[in-house]
Amino acid sequence: MAKPIIAVTGKNGQLGNELQRLVNTLPEFEFIFTDREEMDLTDTTAIENFFRDHKPAYFIHGGAYTAVDKAETEKEIAFAINATATGVIAAQCKVYNTVLLYISTDYVFNGSSHLPYEPDDKPDPINHYGYTKLVGEQMAMENNVHTIVIRTSWVYSTFGHNFVKTMLRLMKDRTDISVVSDQYGSPTYAADLAQAIIAIIKYCTIDPPVRGIYHYSNEGNISWYDFAVAIQQMAHLTCNVHPITTEQYPTPAHRPAYTFMNKQKIQSVFGVKLRNWQESLKECIDKLLQTA
């Protein structure tokens, strides 16, 4: 008898790569990892054909348009990938009774809070990327009853392009760099997020799938400047890191000033464990330095 299938979009992304390292932790499932070559998210027919051919039991939708600044000018393609495609995927999940895990972002919030954001707080994105991910959330929930939305933040990994790898590269090339010190949130090591997703699927195989919105990141509330200083110290680099304000570093897309999220719900429902951001960062940097 064929094994039930877990489908994953964004196989070449940070989360997709980390999930590929964990396939042996769920030996009772067959994993199918896709990218645009296997299933173009802007092609409704391709999505429908994929579901018809594979009928996945779980669908981890990590594939996304993530270029936050470029999304301000490439609005249509960002919306097509992050929102429209998610709606199509969720509708197909309903047809095949598939549990959908949709990976979303802290950028659905406007950043004006001074308290950790709760999963049911009212979203109010201040850039187009955040808006497209919010619409994706709404369509995921509306089109499929068995939908779990996981909002995460500041994702980094040994794979792909991310803040940690950019900082390491710049710090090796320069004597001084400046990093924004008035935007606060929580880093997320993609390897930890992948472990959390595996734990959620294991839970759902025993108990009925739990619908809803959940927050996940590593523990700790820091600024991008704090993050950069920690990277510099853990990598034993001599580059000087200087704090600057958001006003001093204008970008095409506005960034929320504060997106610290309350993660109690994902811990209490699924038993997911959270690691401190420094512990996870050190593990990632050690791996990067070993392969450099």
C-alpha atoms as a PDB file:
ATOM      1  CA  MET A   1       0.000   0.000   0.000  1.00  0.00           C
ATOM      2  CA  ALA A   2       1.335   3.441  -0.951  1.00  0.00           C
ATOM      3  CA  LYS A   3       2.384   5.768   1.819  1.00  0.00           C
ATOM      4  CA  PRO A   4       0.374   8.971   2.397  1.00  0.00           C
ATOM      5  CA  ILE A   5       2.069  12.004   0.893  1.00  0.00           C
ATOM      6  CA  ILE A   6       3.367  15.216   2.432  1.00  0.00           C
ATOM      7  CA  ALA A   7       3.814  17.839  -0.288  1.00  0.00           C
ATOM      8  CA  VAL A   8       6.114  20.817   0.250  1.00  0.00           C
ATOM      9  CA  THR A   9       6.420  23.952  -1.885  1.00  0.00           C
ATOM     10  CA  GLY A  10       9.574  26.052  -1.963  1.00  0.00           C
ATOM     11  CA  LYS A  11      11.990  23.116  -1.969  1.00  0.00           C
ATOM     12  CA  ASN A  12      14.996  25.361  -2.715  1.00  0.00           C
ATOM     13  CA  GLY A  13      14.158  27.860   0.017  1.00  0.00           C
ATOM     14  CA  GLN A  14      15.454  27.916   3.577  1.00  0.00           C
ATOM     15  CA  LEU A  15      12.540  25.988   5.093  1.00  0.00           C
ATOM     16  CA  GLY A  16      12.268  23.597   2.147  1.00  0.00           C
ATOM     17  CA  ASN A  17      15.922  22.639   2.458  1.00  0.00           C
ATOM     18  CA  GLU A  18      15.643  22.152   6.228  1.00  0.00           C
ATOM     19  CA  LEU A  19      12.559  19.952   5.823  1.00  0.00           C
ATOM     20  CA  GLN A  20      14.430  17.777   3.325  1.00  0.00           C
ATOM     21  CA  ARG A  21      16.887  16.960   6.101  1.00  0.00           C
ATOM     22  CA  LEU A  22      14.051  15.668   8.298  1.00  0.00           C
ATOM     23  CA  VAL A  23      12.204  13.293   5.968  1.00  0.00           C
ATOM     24  CA  ASN A  24      13.488  10.272   7.904  1.00  0.00           C
ATOM     25  CA  THR A  25      11.726  11.490  11.059  1.00  0.00           C
ATOM     26  CA  LEU A  26       8.367  10.664   9.411  1.00  0.00           C
ATOM     27  CA  PRO A  27       9.110   7.318   7.713  1.00  0.00           C
ATOM     28  CA  GLU A  28       5.408   6.503   7.408  1.00  0.00           C
ATOM     29  CA  PHE A  29       5.018   9.300   4.823  1.00  0.00           C
ATOM     30  CA  GLU A  30       6.365   9.948   1.359  1.00  0.00           C
ATOM     31  CA  PHE A  31       7.600  13.526   0.870  1.00  0.00           C
ATOM     32  CA  ILE A  32       7.283  15.334  -2.452  1.00  0.00           C
ATOM     33  CA  PHE A  33       9.206  18.618  -2.664  1.00  0.00           C
ATOM     34  CA  THR A  34       8.289  21.062  -5.408  1.00  0.00           C
ATOM     35  CA  ASP A  35       9.536  24.303  -6.859  1.00  0.00           C
ATOM     36  CA  ARG A  36       8.369  26.244  -9.900  1.00  0.00           C
ATOM     37  CA  GLU A  37       9.779  23.581 -12.236  1.00  0.00           C
ATOM     38  CA  GLU A  38       7.511  20.890 -10.767  1.00  0.00           C
ATOM     39  CA  MET A  39       4.523  23.131  -9.952  1.00  0.00           C
ATOM     40  CA  ASP A  40       4.346  26.754 -11.056  1.00  0.00           C
ATOM     41  CA  LEU A  41       2.382  28.601  -8.360  1.00  0.00           C
ATOM     42  CA  THR A  42       1.058  31.069 -10.935  1.00  0.00           C
ATOM     43  CA  ASP A  43      -0.461  28.221 -12.996  1.00  0.00           C
ATOM     44  CA  THR A  44      -3.819  27.089 -11.592  1.00  0.00           C
ATOM     45  CA  THR A  45      -3.942  24.062 -13.897  1.00  0.00           C
ATOM     46  CA  ALA A  46      -0.500  22.921 -12.720  1.00  0.00           C
ATOM     47  CA  ILE A  47      -1.670  23.083  -9.092  1.00  0.00           C
ATOM     48  CA  GLU A  48      -4.872  21.178  -9.870  1.00  0.00           C
ATOM     49  CA  ASN A  49      -2.921  18.530 -11.795  1.00  0.00           C
ATOM     50  CA  PHE A  50      -0.490  18.101  -8.902  1.00  0.00           C
ATOM     51  CA  PHE A  51      -3.332  17.454  -6.447  1.00  0.00           C
ATOM     52  CA  ARG A  52      -5.068  15.083  -8.877  1.00  0.00           C
ATOM     53  CA  ASP A  53      -1.867  13.080  -9.357  1.00  0.00           C
ATOM     54  CA  HIS A  54      -0.673  12.948  -5.737  1.00  0.00           C
ATOM     55  CA  LYS A  55      -3.684  13.562  -3.425  1.00  0.00           C
ATOM     56  CA  PRO A  56      -1.457  14.688  -0.525  1.00  0.00           C
ATOM     57  CA  ALA A  57      -2.489  14.104   3.074  1.00  0.00           C
ATOM     58  CA  TYR A  58      -0.544  17.211   4.155  1.00  0.00           C
ATOM     59  CA  PHE A  59       0.509  20.240   2.159  1.00  0.00           C
ATOM     60  CA  ILE A  60       3.245  22.471   3.622  1.00  0.00           C
ATOM     61  CA  HIS A  61       3.052  25.718   1.673  1.00  0.00           C
ATOM     62  CA  GLY A  62       6.382  27.434   2.229  1.00  0.00           C
ATOM     63  CA  GLY A  63       6.882  28.644  -1.332  1.00  0.00           C
ATOM     64  CA  ALA A  64       6.437  32.406  -1.535  1.00  0.00           C
ATOM     65  CA  TYR A  65       7.460  35.690  -3.093  1.00  0.00           C
ATOM     66  CA  THR A  66       9.691  37.034  -0.304  1.00  0.00           C
ATOM     67  CA  ALA A  67      11.498  40.033  -1.860  1.00  0.00           C
ATOM     68  CA  VAL A  68       9.926  42.623   0.458  1.00  0.00           C
ATOM     69  CA  ASP A  69      11.243  45.737  -1.317  1.00  0.00           C
ATOM     70  CA  LYS A  70      10.768  44.433  -4.871  1.00  0.00           C
ATOM     71  CA  ALA A  71       7.151  43.578  -4.001  1.00  0.00           C
ATOM     72  CA  GLU A  72       6.432  47.320  -3.909  1.00  0.00           C
ATOM     73  CA  THR A  73       6.962  47.492  -7.685  1.00  0.00           C
ATOM     74  CA  GLU A  74       6.234  43.857  -8.654  1.00  0.00           C
ATOM     75  CA  LYS A  75       2.827  43.964  -6.990  1.00  0.00           C
ATOM     76  CA  GLU A  76       0.950  41.698  -9.378  1.00  0.00           C
ATOM     77  CA  ILE A  77       3.389  38.784  -9.316  1.00  0.00           C
ATOM     78  CA  ALA A  78       3.778  39.037  -5.514  1.00  0.00           C
ATOM     79  CA  PHE A  79      -0.004  38.878  -5.132  1.00  0.00           C
ATOM     80  CA  ALA A  80      -0.333  36.031  -7.641  1.00  0.00           C
ATOM     81  CA  ILE A  81       2.215  33.876  -5.772  1.00  0.00           C
ATOM     82  CA  ASN A  82       1.439  34.761  -2.147  1.00  0.00           C
ATOM     83  CA  ALA A  83      -2.340  35.234  -2.291  1.00  0.00           C
ATOM     84  CA  THR A  84      -4.024  33.859  -5.416  1.00  0.00           C
ATOM     85  CA  ALA A  85      -1.985  30.630  -5.517  1.00  0.00           C
ATOM     86  CA  THR A  86      -2.601  30.039  -1.820  1.00  0.00           C
ATOM     87  CA  GLY A  87      -6.337  30.306  -2.415  1.00  0.00           C
ATOM     88  CA  VAL A  88      -6.136  27.770  -5.233  1.00  0.00           C
ATOM     89  CA  ILE A  89      -4.040  25.402  -3.107  1.00  0.00           C
ATOM     90  CA  ALA A  90      -6.476  25.677  -0.187  1.00  0.00           C
ATOM     91  CA  ALA A  91      -9.439  24.951  -2.465  1.00  0.00           C
ATOM     92  CA  GLN A  92      -7.668  21.838  -3.742  1.00  0.00           C
ATOM     93  CA  CYS A  93      -6.899  20.829  -0.145  1.00  0.00           C
ATOM     94  CA  LYS A  94     -10.637  20.946   0.543  1.00  0.00           C
ATOM     95  CA  VAL A  95     -11.348  18.685  -2.460  1.00  0.00           C
ATOM     96  CA  TYR A  96      -8.821  16.053  -1.344  1.00  0.00           C
ATOM     97  CA  ASN A  97      -9.305  16.434   2.440  1.00  0.00           C
ATOM     98  CA  THR A  98      -5.700  17.647   2.769  1.00  0.00           C
ATOM     99  CA  VAL A  99      -4.356  19.402   5.871  1.00  0.00           C
ATOM    100  CA  LEU A 100      -2.796  22.705   4.776  1.00  0.00           C
ATOM    101  CA  LEU A 101       0.088  24.269   6.709  1.00  0.00           C
ATOM    102  CA  TYR A 102       0.589  27.792   5.379  1.00  0.00           C
ATOM    103  CA  ILE A 103       3.755  29.650   6.380  1.00  0.00           C
ATOM    104  CA  SER A 104       3.049  33.342   6.904  1.00  0.00           C
ATOM    105  CA  THR A 105       4.872  36.316   8.392  1.00  0.00           C
ATOM    106  CA  ASP A 106       5.067  38.834  11.220  1.00  0.00           C
ATOM    107  CA  TYR A 107       4.780  41.514   8.520  1.00  0.00           C
ATOM    108  CA  VAL A 108       0.979  41.151   8.618  1.00  0.00           C
ATOM    109  CA  PHE A 109       1.193  43.524  11.636  1.00  0.00           C
ATOM    110  CA  ASN A 110       1.800  47.277  11.521  1.00  0.00           C
ATOM    111  CA  GLY A 111       4.364  47.260  14.339  1.00  0.00           C
ATOM    112  CA  SER A 112       2.716  49.951  16.477  1.00  0.00           C
ATOM    113  CA  SER A 113       2.114  47.618  19.445  1.00  0.00           C
ATOM    114  CA  HIS A 114       4.305  47.526  22.545  1.00  0.00           C
ATOM    115  CA  LEU A 115       2.963  44.137  23.646  1.00  0.00           C
ATOM    116  CA  PRO A 116       3.641  40.767  21.972  1.00  0.00           C
ATOM    117  CA  TYR A 117       1.182  40.175  19.130  1.00  0.00           C
ATOM    118  CA  GLU A 118      -1.394  37.455  19.747  1.00  0.00           C
ATOM    119  CA  PRO A 119      -2.525  35.155  16.914  1.00  0.00           C
ATOM    120  CA  ASP A 120      -6.000  36.735  16.954  1.00  0.00           C
ATOM    121  CA  ASP A 121      -4.808  40.362  17.014  1.00  0.00           C
ATOM    122  CA  LYS A 122      -6.053  42.413  14.075  1.00  0.00           C
ATOM    123  CA  PRO A 123      -3.536  42.403  11.207  1.00  0.00           C
ATOM    124  CA  ASP A 124      -2.698  45.693   9.496  1.00  0.00           C
ATOM    125  CA  PRO A 125       0.242  45.308   7.073  1.00  0.00           C
ATOM    126  CA  ILE A 126       2.200  48.425   6.108  1.00  0.00           C
ATOM    127  CA  ASN A 127       3.878  47.015   2.989  1.00  0.00           C
ATOM    128  CA  HIS A 128       2.642  45.104  -0.057  1.00  0.00           C
ATOM    129  CA  TYR A 129       4.482  41.898   0.843  1.00  0.00           C
ATOM    130  CA  GLY A 130       2.697  41.800   4.212  1.00  0.00           C
ATOM    131  CA  TYR A 131      -0.604  42.525   2.495  1.00  0.00           C
ATOM    132  CA  THR A 132      -0.174  39.641   0.032  1.00  0.00           C
ATOM    133  CA  LYS A 133       0.685  37.224   2.847  1.00  0.00           C
ATOM    134  CA  LEU A 134      -2.350  38.373   4.846  1.00  0.00           C
ATOM    135  CA  VAL A 135      -4.664  37.765   1.886  1.00  0.00           C
ATOM    136  CA  GLY A 136      -2.981  34.368   1.534  1.00  0.00           C
ATOM    137  CA  GLU A 137      -3.826  33.632   5.173  1.00  0.00           C
ATOM    138  CA  GLN A 138      -7.443  34.659   4.680  1.00  0.00           C
ATOM    139  CA  MET A 139      -7.858  32.550   1.532  1.00  0.00           C
ATOM    140  CA  ALA A 140      -6.140  29.568   3.175  1.00  0.00           C
ATOM    141  CA  MET A 141      -8.595  29.705   6.083  1.00  0.00           C
ATOM    142  CA  GLU A 142     -11.694  30.431   3.982  1.00  0.00           C
ATOM    143  CA  ASN A 143     -11.097  27.780   1.306  1.00  0.00           C
ATOM    144  CA  ASN A 144     -10.101  24.827   3.502  1.00  0.00           C
ATOM    145  CA  VAL A 145     -11.398  23.880   6.933  1.00  0.00           C
ATOM    146  CA  HIS A 146      -8.228  21.940   7.841  1.00  0.00           C
ATOM    147  CA  THR A 147      -5.812  24.875   7.667  1.00  0.00           C
ATOM    148  CA  ILE A 148      -3.018  25.744  10.079  1.00  0.00           C
ATOM    149  CA  VAL A 149      -1.386  29.151   9.544  1.00  0.00           C
ATOM    150  CA  ILE A 150       2.090  29.554  11.060  1.00  0.00           C
ATOM    151  CA  ARG A 151       3.358  33.113  11.263  1.00  0.00           C
ATOM    152  CA  THR A 152       7.104  33.347  11.629  1.00  0.00           C
ATOM    153  CA  SER A 153       9.737  36.104  11.563  1.00  0.00           C
ATOM    154  CA  TRP A 154      13.324  36.963  10.598  1.00  0.00           C
ATOM    155  CA  VAL A 155      14.025  33.534   9.113  1.00  0.00           C
ATOM    156  CA  TYR A 156      17.624  32.481   8.554  1.00  0.00           C
ATOM    157  CA  SER A 157      19.463  29.237   7.787  1.00  0.00           C
ATOM    158  CA  THR A 158      22.647  27.799   6.329  1.00  0.00           C
ATOM    159  CA  PHE A 159      20.672  27.695   3.053  1.00  0.00           C
ATOM    160  CA  GLY A 160      19.623  30.486   0.731  1.00  0.00           C
ATOM    161  CA  HIS A 161      19.905  34.242   1.200  1.00  0.00           C
ATOM    162  CA  ASN A 162      19.291  35.692   4.656  1.00  0.00           C
ATOM    163  CA  PHE A 163      20.425  38.297   7.174  1.00  0.00           C
ATOM    164  CA  VAL A 164      22.954  36.056   8.931  1.00  0.00           C
ATOM    165  CA  LYS A 165      24.793  35.107   5.742  1.00  0.00           C
ATOM    166  CA  THR A 166      24.702  38.708   4.482  1.00  0.00           C
ATOM    167  CA  MET A 167      26.152  40.005   7.754  1.00  0.00           C
ATOM    168  CA  LEU A 168      28.945  37.405   7.748  1.00  0.00           C
ATOM    169  CA  ARG A 169      29.876  38.364   4.194  1.00  0.00           C
ATOM    170  CA  LEU A 170      29.820  42.118   4.866  1.00  0.00           C
ATOM    171  CA  MET A 171      31.716  41.809   8.148  1.00  0.00           C
ATOM    172  CA  LYS A 172      34.516  39.918   6.428  1.00  0.00           C
ATOM    173  CA  ASP A 173      34.772  42.555   3.682  1.00  0.00           C
ATOM    174  CA  ARG A 174      34.372  45.762   5.699  1.00  0.00           C
ATOM    175  CA  THR A 175      35.767  47.374   8.840  1.00  0.00           C
ATOM    176  CA  ASP A 176      32.474  49.103   9.705  1.00  0.00           C
ATOM    177  CA  ILE A 177      28.794  48.441   9.005  1.00  0.00           C
ATOM    178  CA  SER A 178      25.594  50.125  10.167  1.00  0.00           C
ATOM    179  CA  VAL A 179      22.449  48.225  11.140  1.00  0.00           C
ATOM    180  CA  VAL A 180      18.965  49.455  12.063  1.00  0.00           C
ATOM    181  CA  SER A 181      18.468  49.488  15.848  1.00  0.00           C
ATOM    182  CA  ASP A 182      14.813  50.601  16.148  1.00  0.00           C
ATOM    183  CA  GLN A 183      13.048  47.603  14.585  1.00  0.00           C
ATOM    184  CA  TYR A 184      12.338  44.807  17.073  1.00  0.00           C
ATOM    185  CA  GLY A 185      11.313  41.184  16.642  1.00  0.00           C
ATOM    186  CA  SER A 186      12.513  37.600  16.968  1.00  0.00           C
ATOM    187  CA  PRO A 187      14.871  35.604  14.741  1.00  0.00           C
ATOM    188  CA  THR A 188      13.771  32.171  13.542  1.00  0.00           C
ATOM    189  CA  TYR A 189      16.252  29.436  12.664  1.00  0.00           C
ATOM    190  CA  ALA A 190      14.628  27.586   9.756  1.00  0.00           C
ATOM    191  CA  ALA A 191      15.923  24.261  11.118  1.00  0.00           C
ATOM    192  CA  ASP A 192      13.903  24.861  14.303  1.00  0.00           C
ATOM    193  CA  LEU A 193      10.813  25.863  12.311  1.00  0.00           C
ATOM    194  CA  ALA A 194      11.138  22.649  10.286  1.00  0.00           C
ATOM    195  CA  GLN A 195      11.267  20.616  13.519  1.00  0.00           C
ATOM    196  CA  ALA A 196       8.148  22.421  14.755  1.00  0.00           C
ATOM    197  CA  ILE A 197       6.271  21.587  11.553  1.00  0.00           C
ATOM    198  CA  ILE A 198       7.224  17.913  11.887  1.00  0.00           C
ATOM    199  CA  ALA A 199       5.946  17.982  15.488  1.00  0.00           C
ATOM    200  CA  ILE A 200       2.638  19.493  14.315  1.00  0.00           C
ATOM    201  CA  ILE A 201       2.177  16.794  11.668  1.00  0.00           C
ATOM    202  CA  LYS A 202       2.957  14.081  14.224  1.00  0.00           C
ATOM    203  CA  TYR A 203       0.305  15.604  16.491  1.00  0.00           C
ATOM    204  CA  CYS A 204      -2.241  15.719  13.666  1.00  0.00           C
ATOM    205  CA  THR A 205      -1.716  12.032  12.824  1.00  0.00           C
ATOM    206  CA  ILE A 206      -2.916  11.150  16.335  1.00  0.00           C
ATOM    207  CA  ASP A 207      -5.520  13.849  16.981  1.00  0.00           C
ATOM    208  CA  PRO A 208      -7.821  15.561  14.481  1.00  0.00           C
ATOM    209  CA  PRO A 209      -6.132  18.472  12.694  1.00  0.00           C
ATOM    210  CA  VAL A 210      -6.270  21.702  14.691  1.00  0.00           C
ATOM    211  CA  ARG A 211      -7.432  24.644  12.615  1.00  0.00           C
ATOM    212  CA  GLY A 212      -6.182  28.144  13.400  1.00  0.00           C
ATOM    213  CA  ILE A 213      -3.402  30.711  13.378  1.00  0.00           C
ATOM    214  CA  TYR A 214      -0.217  30.114  15.364  1.00  0.00           C
ATOM    215  CA  HIS A 215       2.955  32.109  15.982  1.00  0.00           C
ATOM    216  CA  TYR A 216       6.432  30.591  15.889  1.00  0.00           C
ATOM    217  CA  SER A 217       9.954  31.952  16.296  1.00  0.00           C
ATOM    218  CA  ASN A 218      12.895  31.463  18.594  1.00  0.00           C
ATOM    219  CA  GLU A 219      12.627  33.002  22.065  1.00  0.00           C
ATOM    220  CA  GLY A 220      13.807  36.551  22.638  1.00  0.00           C
ATOM    221  CA  ASN A 221      12.938  40.081  21.509  1.00  0.00           C
ATOM    222  CA  ILE A 222      15.848  41.937  19.887  1.00  0.00           C
ATOM    223  CA  SER A 223      16.654  44.590  17.296  1.00  0.00           C
ATOM    224  CA  TRP A 224      18.371  43.959  13.960  1.00  0.00           C
ATOM    225  CA  TYR A 225      21.390  45.745  15.480  1.00  0.00           C
ATOM    226  CA  ASP A 226      21.411  43.318  18.438  1.00  0.00           C
ATOM    227  CA  PHE A 227      21.195  40.449  15.946  1.00  0.00           C
ATOM    228  CA  ALA A 228      24.154  41.784  13.952  1.00  0.00           C
ATOM    229  CA  VAL A 229      26.310  42.315  17.057  1.00  0.00           C
ATOM    230  CA  ALA A 230      25.641  38.719  18.156  1.00  0.00           C
ATOM    231  CA  ILE A 231      26.630  37.445  14.699  1.00  0.00           C
ATOM    232  CA  GLN A 232      29.854  39.481  14.817  1.00  0.00           C
ATOM    233  CA  GLN A 233      30.748  38.184  18.284  1.00  0.00           C
ATOM    234  CA  MET A 234      29.883  34.521  17.602  1.00  0.00           C
ATOM    235  CA  ALA A 235      31.875  34.540  14.358  1.00  0.00           C
ATOM    236  CA  HIS A 236      34.826  36.288  16.104  1.00  0.00           C
ATOM    237  CA  LEU A 237      34.979  39.044  13.485  1.00  0.00           C
ATOM    238  CA  THR A 238      36.595  42.440  14.072  1.00  0.00           C
ATOM    239  CA  CYS A 239      34.147  44.544  12.039  1.00  0.00           C
ATOM    240  CA  ASN A 240      32.578  47.443  13.993  1.00  0.00           C
ATOM    241  CA  VAL A 241      28.765  47.392  14.058  1.00  0.00           C
ATOM    242  CA  HIS A 242      27.051  50.791  14.415  1.00  0.00           C
ATOM    243  CA  PRO A 243      23.385  51.387  15.301  1.00  0.00           C
ATOM    244  CA  ILE A 244      21.303  53.589  12.995  1.00  0.00           C
ATOM    245  CA  THR A 245      17.622  54.519  12.822  1.00  0.00           C
ATOM    246  CA  THR A 246      15.083  53.379  10.246  1.00  0.00           C
ATOM    247  CA  GLU A 247      14.974  56.994   9.075  1.00  0.00           C
ATOM    248  CA  GLN A 248      18.695  56.830   8.307  1.00  0.00           C
ATOM    249  CA  TYR A 249      18.213  53.662   6.234  1.00  0.00           C
ATOM    250  CA  PRO A 250      15.188  54.241   3.965  1.00  0.00           C
ATOM    251  CA  THR A 251      13.888  51.262   1.971  1.00  0.00           C
ATOM    252  CA  PRO A 252      11.179  51.023  -0.734  1.00  0.00           C
ATOM    253  CA  ALA A 253       8.955  48.994   1.634  1.00  0.00           C
ATOM    254  CA  HIS A 254       8.099  50.258   5.103  1.00  0.00           C
ATOM    255  CA  ARG A 255       9.077  47.879   7.916  1.00  0.00           C
ATOM    256  CA  PRO A 256       7.079  47.452  11.132  1.00  0.00           C
ATOM    257  CA  ALA A 257       8.970  48.732  14.176  1.00  0.00           C
ATOM    258  CA  TYR A 258       7.873  45.950  16.540  1.00  0.00           C
ATOM    259  CA  THR A 259       6.700  42.443  15.620  1.00  0.00           C
ATOM    260  CA  PHE A 260       7.435  40.408  18.749  1.00  0.00           C
ATOM    261  CA  MET A 261       4.836  37.601  18.789  1.00  0.00           C
ATOM    262  CA  ASN A 262       3.317  35.551  21.601  1.00  0.00           C
ATOM    263  CA  LYS A 263       4.094  31.868  20.901  1.00  0.00           C
ATOM    264  CA  GLN A 264       2.197  30.321  23.825  1.00  0.00           C
ATOM    265  CA  LYS A 265      -0.561  28.859  21.640  1.00  0.00           C
ATOM    266  CA  ILE A 266       1.707  26.718  19.434  1.00  0.00           C
ATOM    267  CA  GLN A 267       3.483  25.444  22.552  1.00  0.00           C
ATOM    268  CA  SER A 268       0.340  24.529  24.473  1.00  0.00           C
ATOM    269  CA  VAL A 269      -1.598  22.968  21.561  1.00  0.00           C
ATOM    270  CA  PHE A 270       1.169  21.029  19.806  1.00  0.00           C
ATOM    271  CA  GLY A 271       3.813  20.706  22.536  1.00  0.00           C
ATOM    272  CA  VAL A 272       6.322  22.547  20.338  1.00  0.00           C
ATOM    273  CA  LYS A 273       9.518  23.500  22.176  1.00  0.00           C
ATOM    274  CA  LEU A 274      11.132  26.889  21.613  1.00  0.00           C
ATOM    275  CA  ARG A 275      14.876  27.481  21.700  1.00  0.00           C
ATOM    276  CA  ASN A 276      16.545  30.729  22.693  1.00  0.00           C
ATOM    277  CA  TRP A 277      17.581  32.756  19.648  1.00  0.00           C
ATOM    278  CA  GLN A 278      21.245  32.853  20.738  1.00  0.00           C
ATOM    279  CA  GLU A 279      21.492  29.059  21.037  1.00  0.00           C
ATOM    280  CA  SER A 280      20.042  28.553  17.559  1.00  0.00           C
ATOM    281  CA  LEU A 281      22.123  31.341  16.030  1.00  0.00           C
ATOM    282  CA  LYS A 282      25.337  29.842  17.407  1.00  0.00           C
ATOM    283  CA  GLU A 283      24.453  26.447  15.933  1.00  0.00           C
ATOM    284  CA  CYS A 284      23.842  28.005  12.509  1.00  0.00           C
ATOM    285  CA  ILE A 285      27.007  30.130  12.550  1.00  0.00           C
ATOM    286  CA  ASP A 286      29.112  27.152  13.628  1.00  0.00           C
ATOM    287  CA  LYS A 287      27.786  25.186  10.649  1.00  0.00           C
ATOM    288  CA  LEU A 288      28.450  28.071   8.270  1.00  0.00           C
ATOM    289  CA  LEU A 289      32.007  28.537   9.543  1.00  0.00           C
ATOM    290  CA  GLN A 290      32.733  24.809   9.211  1.00  0.00           C
ATOM    291  CA  THR A 291      31.721  24.845   5.548  1.00  0.00           C
ATOM    292  CA  ALA A 292      33.320  28.205   4.674  1.00  0.00           C
END
